[in-house]
């Protein structure tokens, strides 16, 4: 290791205390902050009981299965802490915050497979891909088990290479043969089927026979799919019953709807509880007390064990204005609309409903919804097609997608503006396909509801009416006129964000940049512009054209004049954003 230079922290402190009359020309601020982050991370990184998941995120993995927080489908939630050195006025701060992430449980691999389910073997293979497992069937010279750590590549199925229109194997951008698994289902094998050449045992043997004769192991589940813990070209076949998941492995994929709900319940804690965790377990995990941290002591760094205290005050909540100038003040962040109408209700016409799958939507449900439409000023008209639409879902991602496409092709010809869609479950895939085929392709607004929630009563249908009003171009409520330049009618509110591909997505999958903006002084509608851009790039490439679109719409809605003020909200990822 060759020293690259020194980082003068005294110059950093002088830079932080500099003023216009006493400026500092120190240019190594980022290097100094990076060096401090490395020093702080040294202790948790060297602690075998602490596991890192992502930059500066540290977790104390549960030591007992009894303490696992189960998320379902083979995952658990683990609490940890995020640390980051930040610069402030005349001082350096350590940002320490509570964190919750999904992890694989450290259990026998067969148990993990059962927890995830065997219905979709490609999804299971993706779930297990690159998971590290340990085995102990090999013995040391003294007869003790030799622990070996392996990485799962996939299952034991035959790969079919993708062919172009000339029947030649397609080579991807990395120079590797592209694999097509569209016809590979059923080609994976178990230990009694899969064979390979083994000179030691006299030629071709099954995996079951190999482990029996080589290691004296009789497989308990010989018909389980065999794992490939090598590579595609040089496989290393291991039965899953001989593997145990290594602890401390974070899940990098996309959580299901039910897992996301459970994660939110685990992570959502009152501020006071988070504060207690940070000053207690948080400091222990990061190891920031110099008395027990030789790394910090060696660099002369001390971290105050107390949180920074700042004076604050609770702002009074603004009043909300509804129809007929009725007022409502929020209490503890909540309010209800009982006895009120929307500030600008938009009459709901040309609407109907769609029942997907085997859901039930009774005439009483429709009447209850119509009543809430009428109560909140939306007219209460009956659905244009009283019988609505029904479409069974055959099951499977592709058949369901085809069914949803077909029904919205029919709906697109029925002269309808908005559809109430009753979903059989909270499947994010079904929801996404409804939005694609309805809102994007057919040009019909949709509001989705879950069948299991239809009997919740008037309050539930009132929330659905709220969405109908917004989708129809109405405004549900407006803020009282006590908000400074927001009251003058010449301010446009703007929101900017970038959504990145889920972990394990294809490398070419683009990121999606979006800009939304208000259109008038009610701040009730936020149409948007979106663009595809380079995968995982956080900076927005086409911000100028999207902002131009938003400004042009604002001007059309406001007699051609331009806004005098722009208030921009940007959801950033790093300290500099």
Protein backbone atom coordinates (compact mmCIF):
# COMPACT_ATOMS: atom_id res chain seq x y z
CA UNK A 1 0.00 0.00 0.00
CA UNK A 2 1.43 3.35 -1.07
CA UNK A 3 0.48 6.48 0.90
CA UNK A 4 -1.29 8.97 -1.37
CA UNK A 5 -0.82 11.98 0.88
CA UNK A 6 -2.19 13.56 4.03
CA UNK A 7 -5.59 15.06 4.80
CA UNK A 8 -5.22 18.22 6.93
CA UNK A 9 -8.29 18.30 9.17
CA UNK A 10 -7.18 21.64 10.62
CA UNK A 11 -7.58 23.16 7.16
CA UNK A 12 -11.03 21.59 6.96
CA UNK A 13 -12.07 23.21 10.23
CA UNK A 14 -10.68 26.56 9.09
CA UNK A 15 -12.64 26.20 5.86
CA UNK A 16 -15.87 25.52 7.80
CA UNK A 17 -15.29 28.63 9.94
CA UNK A 18 -14.34 30.87 7.01
CA UNK A 19 -16.32 33.98 6.14
CA UNK A 20 -16.46 36.39 3.23
CA UNK A 21 -13.92 38.64 4.96
CA UNK A 22 -11.70 35.71 5.98
CA UNK A 23 -12.02 33.22 3.09
CA UNK A 24 -10.39 29.80 2.85
CA UNK A 25 -8.94 28.36 -0.36
CA UNK A 26 -9.02 24.76 0.95
CA UNK A 27 -10.08 22.45 -1.91
CA UNK A 28 -9.76 19.07 -0.17
CA UNK A 29 -13.07 19.12 1.71
CA UNK A 30 -14.49 16.04 -0.04
CA UNK A 31 -11.25 14.07 0.48
CA UNK A 32 -11.23 14.99 4.17
CA UNK A 33 -14.86 13.94 4.66
CA UNK A 34 -14.21 10.67 2.82
CA UNK A 35 -11.21 9.95 5.04
CA UNK A 36 -13.29 10.61 8.17
CA UNK A 37 -16.02 8.25 6.93
CA UNK A 38 -13.42 5.53 6.37
CA UNK A 39 -12.05 6.02 9.90
CA UNK A 40 -15.55 5.88 11.46
CA UNK A 41 -16.44 2.75 9.46
CA UNK A 42 -13.28 0.91 10.48
CA UNK A 43 -14.62 -0.40 13.80
CA UNK A 44 -17.98 -1.83 12.59
CA UNK A 45 -16.25 -3.27 9.51
CA UNK A 46 -13.78 -5.16 11.68
CA UNK A 47 -16.45 -6.47 14.08
CA UNK A 48 -17.46 -10.04 13.07
CA UNK A 49 -20.89 -9.53 14.66
CA UNK A 50 -21.68 -6.49 12.48
CA UNK A 51 -22.61 -6.82 8.82
CA UNK A 52 -22.50 -4.08 6.21
CA UNK A 53 -25.22 -3.64 3.58
CA UNK A 54 -24.59 -0.75 1.25
CA UNK A 55 -22.42 2.26 1.88
CA UNK A 56 -22.15 3.19 5.57
CA UNK A 57 -25.07 0.93 6.61
CA UNK A 58 -24.29 -1.48 9.45
CA UNK A 59 -26.47 -4.20 10.98
CA UNK A 60 -26.21 -6.47 14.00
CA UNK A 61 -27.59 -9.68 12.55
CA UNK A 62 -29.92 -11.63 14.90
CA UNK A 63 -28.05 -14.40 16.69
CA UNK A 64 -31.17 -16.51 17.27
CA UNK A 65 -33.97 -17.61 14.95
CA UNK A 66 -36.42 -16.79 17.73
CA UNK A 67 -35.60 -13.08 17.30
CA UNK A 68 -36.15 -13.00 13.53
CA UNK A 69 -38.67 -10.43 12.28
CA UNK A 70 -40.39 -12.43 9.56
CA UNK A 71 -41.35 -10.66 6.31
CA UNK A 72 -42.67 -13.80 4.64
CA UNK A 73 -41.49 -15.54 1.46
CA UNK A 74 -38.05 -16.31 2.86
CA UNK A 75 -36.94 -12.89 4.17
CA UNK A 76 -36.48 -11.24 7.56
CA UNK A 77 -36.17 -7.60 8.62
CA UNK A 78 -32.97 -6.59 10.42
CA UNK A 79 -32.45 -3.33 12.29
CA UNK A 80 -29.25 -1.39 11.77
CA UNK A 81 -27.77 2.09 11.51
CA UNK A 82 -26.53 4.46 8.86
CA UNK A 83 -23.56 6.72 9.56
CA UNK A 84 -22.23 9.61 7.52
CA UNK A 85 -19.79 12.40 8.36
CA UNK A 86 -21.23 15.79 7.35
CA UNK A 87 -19.78 19.29 7.38
CA UNK A 88 -21.64 22.09 9.13
CA UNK A 89 -21.00 25.66 10.19
CA UNK A 90 -17.73 25.72 12.17
CA UNK A 91 -17.96 22.03 13.06
CA UNK A 92 -18.11 18.46 11.78
CA UNK A 93 -21.16 16.31 12.49
CA UNK A 94 -21.78 12.58 12.45
CA UNK A 95 -25.20 11.78 11.03
CA UNK A 96 -26.37 8.55 12.68
CA UNK A 97 -29.81 7.22 11.83
CA UNK A 98 -31.85 4.06 12.34
CA UNK A 99 -32.17 1.73 9.36
CA UNK A 100 -34.19 -1.41 8.54
CA UNK A 101 -33.33 -3.69 5.60
CA UNK A 102 -34.47 -7.12 4.35
CA UNK A 103 -32.04 -10.02 4.84
CA UNK A 104 -31.97 -13.72 4.11
CA UNK A 105 -32.37 -15.82 7.27
CA UNK A 106 -29.40 -18.00 8.25
CA UNK A 107 -31.26 -21.30 8.02
CA UNK A 108 -30.91 -24.59 6.10
CA UNK A 109 -31.31 -23.87 2.41
CA UNK A 110 -34.12 -26.41 1.94
CA UNK A 111 -36.13 -24.55 4.58
CA UNK A 112 -35.53 -21.27 2.76
CA UNK A 113 -36.73 -22.80 -0.51
CA UNK A 114 -39.91 -24.02 1.19
CA UNK A 115 -40.52 -20.56 2.66
CA UNK A 116 -40.20 -18.90 -0.75
CA UNK A 117 -42.24 -21.54 -2.57
CA UNK A 118 -41.60 -23.79 -5.56
CA UNK A 119 -44.41 -22.59 -7.85
CA UNK A 120 -42.18 -20.40 -10.03
CA UNK A 121 -38.74 -21.97 -10.36
CA UNK A 122 -37.31 -19.07 -12.38
CA UNK A 123 -38.35 -16.63 -9.64
CA UNK A 124 -36.84 -18.98 -7.03
CA UNK A 125 -33.61 -19.22 -9.00
CA UNK A 126 -33.41 -15.42 -9.18
CA UNK A 127 -34.10 -15.24 -5.42
CA UNK A 128 -31.18 -17.60 -4.68
CA UNK A 129 -28.77 -16.22 -7.29
CA UNK A 130 -25.37 -15.27 -5.79
CA UNK A 131 -26.51 -16.30 -2.30
CA UNK A 132 -23.59 -17.56 -0.22
CA UNK A 133 -24.06 -20.90 1.56
CA UNK A 134 -21.79 -23.05 3.69
CA UNK A 135 -21.28 -26.81 3.52
CA UNK A 136 -19.52 -29.22 5.86
CA UNK A 137 -19.67 -32.59 4.07
CA UNK A 138 -15.92 -32.47 3.30
CA UNK A 139 -13.66 -33.63 6.16
CA UNK A 140 -10.30 -32.34 7.31
CA UNK A 141 -7.38 -34.73 7.71
CA UNK A 142 -8.24 -35.10 11.41
CA UNK A 143 -11.84 -36.06 10.58
CA UNK A 144 -13.45 -32.76 11.63
CA UNK A 145 -15.90 -31.06 9.25
CA UNK A 146 -14.30 -28.59 6.83
CA UNK A 147 -16.51 -25.55 6.36
CA UNK A 148 -16.64 -24.46 2.75
CA UNK A 149 -18.44 -21.33 1.54
CA UNK A 150 -20.07 -21.56 -1.89
CA UNK A 151 -21.99 -19.11 -4.06
CA UNK A 152 -25.18 -20.26 -5.79
CA UNK A 153 -25.21 -19.66 -9.54
CA UNK A 154 -28.54 -21.32 -10.25
CA UNK A 155 -30.35 -24.64 -10.59
CA UNK A 156 -29.31 -27.65 -12.62
CA UNK A 157 -31.20 -26.96 -15.83
CA UNK A 158 -30.07 -27.06 -19.42
CA UNK A 159 -29.44 -23.68 -20.98
CA UNK A 160 -30.69 -22.92 -24.44
CA UNK A 161 -28.73 -20.23 -26.22
CA UNK A 162 -30.61 -17.40 -27.91
CA UNK A 163 -30.46 -17.49 -31.71
CA UNK A 164 -30.74 -14.65 -34.21
CA UNK A 165 -32.76 -14.83 -37.44
CA UNK A 166 -29.86 -16.66 -39.09
CA UNK A 167 -29.91 -19.33 -36.36
CA UNK A 168 -26.59 -18.15 -34.94
CA UNK A 169 -25.94 -17.83 -31.19
CA UNK A 170 -26.42 -14.23 -29.99
CA UNK A 171 -23.39 -12.68 -28.27
CA UNK A 172 -24.16 -10.03 -25.65
CA UNK A 173 -22.26 -6.78 -25.16
CA UNK A 174 -19.88 -8.49 -22.71
CA UNK A 175 -18.88 -11.07 -25.32
CA UNK A 176 -20.81 -13.90 -23.67
CA UNK A 177 -23.34 -16.20 -25.26
CA UNK A 178 -26.85 -14.95 -24.51
CA UNK A 179 -29.05 -17.50 -22.79
CA UNK A 180 -32.72 -17.99 -23.66
CA UNK A 181 -34.67 -19.68 -20.88
CA UNK A 182 -38.05 -19.34 -22.51
CA UNK A 183 -38.17 -23.07 -23.30
CA UNK A 184 -35.97 -24.30 -20.48
CA UNK A 185 -38.74 -25.04 -17.98
CA UNK A 186 -38.67 -28.69 -16.97
CA UNK A 187 -35.05 -29.17 -18.02
CA UNK A 188 -33.67 -28.75 -14.52
CA UNK A 189 -32.89 -32.01 -12.74
CA UNK A 190 -32.67 -33.57 -9.30
CA UNK A 191 -29.93 -35.68 -7.77
CA UNK A 192 -31.27 -38.93 -9.21
CA UNK A 193 -31.39 -37.50 -12.75
CA UNK A 194 -28.37 -35.26 -13.07
CA UNK A 195 -25.17 -37.01 -14.19
CA UNK A 196 -21.57 -35.92 -14.77
CA UNK A 197 -18.23 -37.56 -15.57
CA UNK A 198 -16.19 -38.64 -12.55
CA UNK A 199 -12.99 -40.59 -13.26
CA UNK A 200 -12.56 -41.39 -9.56
CA UNK A 201 -15.84 -43.35 -9.59
CA UNK A 202 -15.33 -44.94 -12.99
CA UNK A 203 -17.20 -42.65 -15.37
CA UNK A 204 -20.63 -41.03 -15.51
CA UNK A 205 -22.48 -40.98 -12.18
CA UNK A 206 -25.56 -39.32 -10.76
CA UNK A 207 -25.22 -36.63 -8.12
CA UNK A 208 -26.95 -38.95 -5.63
CA UNK A 209 -24.47 -41.77 -6.29
CA UNK A 210 -21.49 -39.42 -6.14
CA UNK A 211 -22.31 -38.16 -2.65
CA UNK A 212 -23.13 -41.67 -1.45
CA UNK A 213 -19.88 -43.26 -2.66
CA UNK A 214 -17.55 -40.27 -2.24
CA UNK A 215 -18.73 -38.97 1.15
CA UNK A 216 -20.99 -41.73 2.50
CA UNK A 217 -24.01 -39.39 2.49
CA UNK A 218 -27.49 -40.76 1.78
CA UNK A 219 -29.56 -37.83 0.59
CA UNK A 220 -32.80 -37.31 2.49
CA UNK A 221 -34.42 -35.40 -0.39
CA UNK A 222 -32.80 -36.79 -3.55
CA UNK A 223 -35.53 -35.34 -5.79
CA UNK A 224 -34.86 -31.71 -4.80
CA UNK A 225 -33.47 -29.53 -7.58
CA UNK A 226 -29.67 -29.63 -7.49
CA UNK A 227 -27.77 -26.34 -7.12
CA UNK A 228 -25.01 -25.16 -9.39
CA UNK A 229 -22.41 -23.53 -7.13
CA UNK A 230 -19.88 -23.14 -9.92
CA UNK A 231 -20.40 -21.44 -13.27
CA UNK A 232 -22.46 -22.13 -16.37
CA UNK A 233 -19.47 -23.70 -18.17
CA UNK A 234 -17.90 -25.34 -15.10
CA UNK A 235 -20.74 -26.38 -12.80
CA UNK A 236 -20.30 -27.62 -9.24
CA UNK A 237 -23.39 -29.64 -8.32
CA UNK A 238 -24.49 -29.63 -4.67
CA UNK A 239 -27.81 -30.92 -3.24
CA UNK A 240 -29.57 -28.10 -1.33
CA UNK A 241 -29.99 -30.21 1.82
CA UNK A 242 -26.22 -29.99 2.35
CA UNK A 243 -26.24 -26.18 2.36
CA UNK A 244 -26.93 -23.60 5.06
CA UNK A 245 -27.41 -19.91 4.32
CA UNK A 246 -24.55 -17.72 5.57
CA UNK A 247 -25.67 -14.96 7.98
CA UNK A 248 -25.62 -11.26 7.21
CA UNK A 249 -26.71 -11.30 3.55
CA UNK A 250 -28.97 -8.46 2.51
CA UNK A 251 -31.67 -9.03 -0.09
CA UNK A 252 -31.10 -6.84 -3.17
CA UNK A 253 -34.32 -7.57 -5.06
CA UNK A 254 -37.74 -5.98 -5.07
CA UNK A 255 -40.05 -6.75 -2.16
CA UNK A 256 -43.59 -7.98 -2.73
CA UNK A 257 -46.55 -5.88 -1.65
CA UNK A 258 -47.08 -7.84 1.58
CA UNK A 259 -43.35 -7.74 2.41
CA UNK A 260 -43.30 -3.98 1.85
CA UNK A 261 -46.28 -3.53 4.20
CA UNK A 262 -44.49 -5.52 6.91
CA UNK A 263 -41.26 -3.59 6.39
CA UNK A 264 -43.08 -0.30 6.86
CA UNK A 265 -44.62 -1.52 10.12
CA UNK A 266 -41.19 -2.56 11.39
CA UNK A 267 -39.44 0.64 10.30
CA UNK A 268 -42.11 3.14 11.36
CA UNK A 269 -41.18 4.17 14.89
CA UNK A 270 -41.89 7.40 16.83
CA UNK A 271 -39.04 9.95 16.85
CA UNK A 272 -38.43 9.47 20.57
CA UNK A 273 -37.95 5.71 20.13
CA UNK A 274 -35.59 6.26 17.19
CA UNK A 275 -33.60 8.71 19.32
CA UNK A 276 -33.26 6.14 22.12
CA UNK A 277 -32.10 3.50 19.64
CA UNK A 278 -29.53 5.83 18.08
CA UNK A 279 -27.90 6.97 21.34
CA UNK A 280 -28.03 3.41 22.69
CA UNK A 281 -27.65 0.53 20.26
CA UNK A 282 -26.63 2.84 17.41
CA UNK A 283 -23.49 4.06 19.12
CA UNK A 284 -22.64 0.49 20.11
CA UNK A 285 -23.00 -0.82 16.55
CA UNK A 286 -20.92 1.97 15.00
CA UNK A 287 -18.50 1.97 17.96
CA UNK A 288 -18.04 5.71 18.06
CA UNK A 289 -16.93 6.09 21.68
CA UNK A 290 -13.21 6.83 21.63
CA UNK A 291 -12.62 4.97 24.92
CA UNK A 292 -13.52 1.69 23.24
CA UNK A 293 -12.44 2.60 19.74
CA UNK A 294 -8.69 2.44 19.13
CA UNK A 295 -9.09 3.71 15.55
CA UNK A 296 -10.75 6.95 16.63
CA UNK A 297 -8.24 7.35 19.46
CA UNK A 298 -5.33 6.85 17.07
CA UNK A 299 -6.52 9.75 14.93
CA UNK A 300 -7.43 11.95 17.88
CA UNK A 301 -11.11 11.92 17.04
CA UNK A 302 -13.84 12.18 19.65
CA UNK A 303 -17.57 11.97 19.00
CA UNK A 304 -19.95 13.55 21.50
CA UNK A 305 -22.34 10.88 22.81
CA UNK A 306 -25.17 13.42 22.98
CA UNK A 307 -27.36 14.40 20.07
CA UNK A 308 -27.15 17.94 18.75
CA UNK A 309 -29.93 19.94 20.39
CA UNK A 310 -31.66 22.72 18.50
CA UNK A 311 -34.48 24.98 19.54
CA UNK A 312 -37.72 24.39 17.68
CA UNK A 313 -41.33 25.39 17.66
CA UNK A 314 -44.51 23.76 16.47
CA UNK A 315 -46.09 25.68 13.62
CA UNK A 316 -49.86 26.01 13.69
CA UNK A 317 -51.46 23.86 10.97
CA UNK A 318 -52.94 25.81 8.08
CA UNK A 319 -56.68 25.81 7.69
CA UNK A 320 -58.19 23.88 4.81
CA UNK A 321 -61.00 25.32 2.72
CA UNK A 322 -63.71 23.10 1.23
CA UNK A 323 -66.79 23.79 -0.84
CA UNK A 324 -69.04 26.72 0.13
CA UNK A 325 -66.02 28.20 1.97
CA UNK A 326 -66.32 25.77 4.88
CA UNK A 327 -63.12 25.57 6.93
CA UNK A 328 -61.38 22.66 8.60
CA UNK A 329 -58.31 22.65 10.84
CA UNK A 330 -56.16 19.56 11.13
CA UNK A 331 -55.58 18.07 14.57
CA UNK A 332 -52.57 15.81 15.11
CA UNK A 333 -52.10 15.65 11.35
CA UNK A 334 -55.57 14.30 10.61
CA UNK A 335 -59.00 15.60 9.68
CA UNK A 336 -62.21 14.33 8.12
CA UNK A 337 -64.60 15.75 5.56
CA UNK A 338 -67.87 14.75 7.12
CA UNK A 339 -70.57 17.22 6.09
CA UNK A 340 -68.38 18.96 3.49
CA UNK A 341 -68.04 19.01 -0.29
CA UNK A 342 -64.86 19.24 -2.31
CA UNK A 343 -63.45 22.72 -2.93
CA UNK A 344 -63.84 22.30 -6.70
CA UNK A 345 -65.87 19.19 -7.41
CA UNK A 346 -65.85 17.90 -10.96
CA UNK A 347 -69.02 16.09 -12.04
CA UNK A 348 -68.28 12.41 -12.61
CA UNK A 349 -69.88 11.26 -15.85
CA UNK A 350 -69.24 8.41 -18.25
CA UNK A 351 -67.93 6.07 -15.59
CA UNK A 352 -68.34 2.36 -15.02
CA UNK A 353 -66.64 -0.49 -13.17
CA UNK A 354 -64.52 -3.54 -13.96
CA UNK A 355 -64.36 -6.72 -11.88
CA UNK A 356 -61.10 -8.60 -12.39
CA UNK A 357 -60.90 -12.26 -11.42
CA UNK A 358 -63.63 -13.74 -9.25
CA UNK A 359 -64.38 -10.63 -7.19
CA UNK A 360 -67.86 -9.67 -6.05
CA UNK A 361 -69.24 -6.14 -6.43
CA UNK A 362 -72.87 -5.88 -5.35
CA UNK A 363 -75.54 -3.32 -6.20
CA UNK A 364 -75.29 -2.09 -2.59
CA UNK A 365 -71.59 -1.34 -3.13
CA UNK A 366 -72.42 0.74 -6.20
CA UNK A 367 -75.21 2.60 -4.37
CA UNK A 368 -72.88 3.33 -1.46
CA UNK A 369 -70.31 4.78 -3.83
CA UNK A 370 -72.92 6.85 -5.69
CA UNK A 371 -74.07 8.29 -2.36
CA UNK A 372 -70.56 9.50 -1.55
CA UNK A 373 -70.17 10.99 -5.03
CA UNK A 374 -73.38 12.93 -4.41
CA UNK A 375 -72.38 13.95 -0.85
CA UNK A 376 -69.11 15.47 -2.01
CA UNK A 377 -70.53 17.33 -4.98
CA UNK A 378 -69.60 14.95 -7.80
CA UNK A 379 -73.15 14.38 -9.02
CA UNK A 380 -73.81 10.80 -8.02
CA UNK A 381 -74.66 9.56 -11.50
CA UNK A 382 -75.16 5.84 -11.99
CA UNK A 383 -72.53 4.01 -14.04
CA UNK A 384 -73.04 4.52 -17.77
CA UNK A 385 -73.05 0.75 -18.26
CA UNK A 386 -74.94 -0.53 -15.17
CA UNK A 387 -73.79 -4.12 -15.66
CA UNK A 388 -70.15 -3.00 -15.77
CA UNK A 389 -67.40 -5.24 -17.10
CA UNK A 390 -66.09 -8.58 -15.86
CA UNK A 391 -62.88 -10.33 -16.84
CA UNK A 392 -61.63 -13.59 -15.29
CA UNK A 393 -57.87 -13.85 -14.74
CA UNK A 394 -56.59 -17.25 -15.93
CA UNK A 395 -53.47 -17.15 -13.71
CA UNK A 396 -49.85 -16.61 -14.66
CA UNK A 397 -48.24 -13.29 -15.52
CA UNK A 398 -48.53 -13.50 -19.33
CA UNK A 399 -52.11 -14.92 -19.50
CA UNK A 400 -53.31 -12.31 -16.99
CA UNK A 401 -51.64 -9.54 -18.98
CA UNK A 402 -53.36 -10.71 -22.16
CA UNK A 403 -56.74 -10.79 -20.40
CA UNK A 404 -56.32 -7.25 -19.04
CA UNK A 405 -55.29 -6.02 -22.48
CA UNK A 406 -58.37 -7.59 -24.08
CA UNK A 407 -60.87 -6.10 -21.65
CA UNK A 408 -59.46 -2.57 -21.97
CA UNK A 409 -59.59 -2.88 -25.74
CA UNK A 410 -63.34 -3.38 -25.27
CA UNK A 411 -63.64 -0.57 -22.70
CA UNK A 412 -61.77 1.88 -24.96
CA UNK A 413 -64.67 1.66 -27.46
CA UNK A 414 -67.40 2.33 -24.88
CA UNK A 415 -67.00 6.14 -24.60
CA UNK A 416 -66.02 6.09 -20.91
CA UNK A 417 -63.81 8.55 -19.00
CA UNK A 418 -63.00 6.68 -15.80
CA UNK A 419 -63.27 3.09 -14.54
CA UNK A 420 -63.52 1.75 -10.99
CA UNK A 421 -61.35 -1.39 -11.10
CA UNK A 422 -61.92 -4.03 -8.41
CA UNK A 423 -58.74 -6.08 -7.92
CA UNK A 424 -58.72 -9.59 -6.44
CA UNK A 425 -55.40 -8.99 -4.59
CA UNK A 426 -52.76 -6.33 -4.05
CA UNK A 427 -50.48 -7.83 -6.70
CA UNK A 428 -48.19 -5.02 -7.94
CA UNK A 429 -47.92 -6.80 -11.31
CA UNK A 430 -51.69 -6.81 -11.87
CA UNK A 431 -51.94 -3.17 -10.78
CA UNK A 432 -49.12 -2.15 -13.14
CA UNK A 433 -50.71 -3.90 -16.12
CA UNK A 434 -54.07 -2.27 -15.42
CA UNK A 435 -52.43 1.15 -15.44
CA UNK A 436 -50.51 0.36 -18.61
CA UNK A 437 -53.40 -0.97 -20.71
CA UNK A 438 -55.96 1.53 -19.35
CA UNK A 439 -54.29 4.86 -18.62
CA UNK A 440 -51.45 4.63 -21.17
CA UNK A 441 -52.79 2.60 -24.08
CA UNK A 442 -56.59 3.00 -23.92
CA UNK A 443 -56.56 6.57 -22.56
CA UNK A 444 -59.07 5.77 -19.79
CA UNK A 445 -58.54 6.87 -16.19
CA UNK A 446 -58.68 4.11 -13.56
CA UNK A 447 -59.10 4.03 -9.78
CA UNK A 448 -58.22 0.64 -8.30
CA UNK A 449 -59.76 -0.81 -5.14
CA UNK A 450 -59.23 -4.13 -3.38
CA UNK A 451 -62.19 -6.49 -3.22
CA UNK A 452 -61.48 -7.24 0.45
CA UNK A 453 -62.05 -3.58 1.38
CA UNK A 454 -65.42 -3.01 -0.30
CA UNK A 455 -67.39 -3.56 2.90
CA UNK A 456 -65.51 -0.95 4.97
CA UNK A 457 -68.38 1.50 4.66
CA UNK A 458 -68.90 5.21 3.86
CA UNK A 459 -65.43 6.42 4.91
CA UNK A 460 -63.79 4.04 2.45
CA UNK A 461 -66.03 5.10 -0.41
CA UNK A 462 -65.39 8.74 0.49
CA UNK A 463 -61.66 8.14 -0.07
CA UNK A 464 -62.45 6.56 -3.45
CA UNK A 465 -64.59 9.60 -4.33
CA UNK A 466 -61.62 11.81 -3.47
CA UNK A 467 -59.52 9.98 -6.08
CA UNK A 468 -62.31 10.18 -8.64
CA UNK A 469 -62.46 13.95 -8.21
CA UNK A 470 -58.72 14.40 -8.73
CA UNK A 471 -58.67 12.07 -11.73
CA UNK A 472 -61.55 14.06 -13.23
CA UNK A 473 -59.67 17.35 -12.85
CA UNK A 474 -61.22 18.63 -9.62
CA UNK A 475 -59.61 20.00 -6.46
CA UNK A 476 -60.34 18.34 -3.11
CA UNK A 477 -59.26 21.14 -0.75
CA UNK A 478 -57.25 24.36 -0.84
CA UNK A 479 -55.00 25.93 1.76
CA UNK A 480 -56.05 29.06 3.60
CA UNK A 481 -54.60 32.33 2.32
CA UNK A 482 -51.87 32.84 4.91
CA UNK A 483 -48.84 31.40 3.15
CA UNK A 484 -46.96 34.43 1.84
CA UNK A 485 -45.90 34.27 -1.80
CA UNK A 486 -47.95 31.08 -2.27
CA UNK A 487 -51.08 33.23 -1.96
CA UNK A 488 -50.28 35.66 -4.77
CA UNK A 489 -51.37 33.39 -7.64
CA UNK A 490 -48.06 33.67 -9.49
CA UNK A 491 -46.13 30.74 -7.95
CA UNK A 492 -45.59 27.30 -9.49
CA UNK A 493 -44.71 24.37 -7.23
CA UNK A 494 -42.39 21.82 -8.84
CA UNK A 495 -41.37 18.29 -7.81
CA UNK A 496 -38.41 16.45 -9.40
CA UNK A 497 -37.35 12.85 -8.86
CA UNK A 498 -35.60 9.95 -10.59
CA UNK A 499 -36.75 6.34 -10.24
CA UNK A 500 -34.11 3.67 -10.79
CA UNK A 501 -34.47 0.02 -11.88
CA UNK A 502 -35.05 -2.54 -9.17
CA UNK A 503 -32.03 -4.59 -8.07
CA UNK A 504 -31.26 -7.51 -10.41
CA UNK A 505 -32.93 -5.75 -13.35
CA UNK A 506 -31.35 -6.07 -16.79
CA UNK A 507 -28.26 -3.88 -17.13
CA UNK A 508 -29.86 -1.86 -19.98
CA UNK A 509 -33.00 -0.98 -18.00
CA UNK A 510 -33.28 2.84 -18.00
CA UNK A 511 -33.95 5.13 -15.09
CA UNK A 512 -37.09 7.28 -15.28
CA UNK A 513 -36.87 11.02 -14.55
CA UNK A 514 -40.07 12.88 -13.73
CA UNK A 515 -41.14 16.48 -13.17
CA UNK A 516 -44.57 17.46 -11.82
CA UNK A 517 -45.86 20.99 -11.30
CA UNK A 518 -48.95 22.84 -10.14
CA UNK A 519 -51.15 24.60 -12.68
CA UNK A 520 -52.87 27.36 -10.67
CA UNK A 521 -53.24 28.97 -7.26
CA UNK A 522 -55.24 26.07 -5.80
CA UNK A 523 -52.22 23.72 -5.97
CA UNK A 524 -54.63 20.84 -6.44
CA UNK A 525 -53.47 19.34 -9.75
CA UNK A 526 -49.91 18.27 -10.62
CA UNK A 527 -49.59 17.05 -14.22
CA UNK A 528 -46.18 15.63 -15.06
CA UNK A 529 -43.52 15.01 -17.68
CA UNK A 530 -41.29 11.93 -17.78
CA UNK A 531 -38.18 10.87 -19.69
CA UNK A 532 -36.07 7.74 -19.89
CA UNK A 533 -32.38 8.25 -19.21
CA UNK A 534 -29.15 6.39 -18.49
CA UNK A 535 -29.61 3.55 -16.01
CA UNK A 536 -29.06 4.56 -12.36
CA UNK A 537 -28.06 8.12 -13.21
CA UNK A 538 -29.43 10.45 -10.52
CA UNK A 539 -28.87 13.76 -12.30
CA UNK A 540 -31.76 14.64 -14.63
CA UNK A 541 -30.73 14.71 -18.30
CA UNK A 542 -33.72 16.43 -19.90
CA UNK A 543 -34.74 18.80 -17.15
CA UNK A 544 -34.90 21.80 -19.50
CA UNK A 545 -37.48 20.26 -21.86
CA UNK A 546 -39.62 18.91 -19.00
CA UNK A 547 -39.59 22.25 -17.19
CA UNK A 548 -40.54 23.96 -20.44
CA UNK A 549 -43.56 21.67 -20.77
CA UNK A 550 -44.67 22.43 -17.22
CA UNK A 551 -44.24 26.20 -17.69
CA UNK A 552 -46.19 26.17 -20.95
CA UNK A 553 -49.12 24.37 -19.28
CA UNK A 554 -49.06 26.81 -16.35
CA UNK A 555 -49.17 29.73 -18.78
CA UNK A 556 -52.10 28.22 -20.73
CA UNK A 557 -54.01 27.85 -17.46
CA UNK A 558 -53.21 31.42 -16.37
CA UNK A 559 -53.98 33.62 -19.34
CA UNK A 560 -50.56 33.43 -20.95
CA UNK A 561 -48.65 35.09 -18.09
CA UNK A 562 -45.53 33.53 -16.60
CA UNK A 563 -45.11 32.57 -12.93
CA UNK A 564 -42.97 34.96 -10.90
CA UNK A 565 -41.88 32.32 -8.39
CA UNK A 566 -40.79 28.68 -8.70
CA UNK A 567 -40.66 26.56 -5.55
CA UNK A 568 -38.78 23.35 -6.40
CA UNK A 569 -38.68 20.16 -4.35
CA UNK A 570 -35.91 17.74 -5.36
CA UNK A 571 -35.65 14.27 -3.83
CA UNK A 572 -31.88 13.64 -3.83
CA UNK A 573 -29.71 10.70 -2.83
CA UNK A 574 -26.37 12.12 -1.75
CA UNK A 575 -25.14 14.81 0.63
CA UNK A 576 -24.55 17.31 -2.15
CA UNK A 577 -28.12 17.17 -3.56
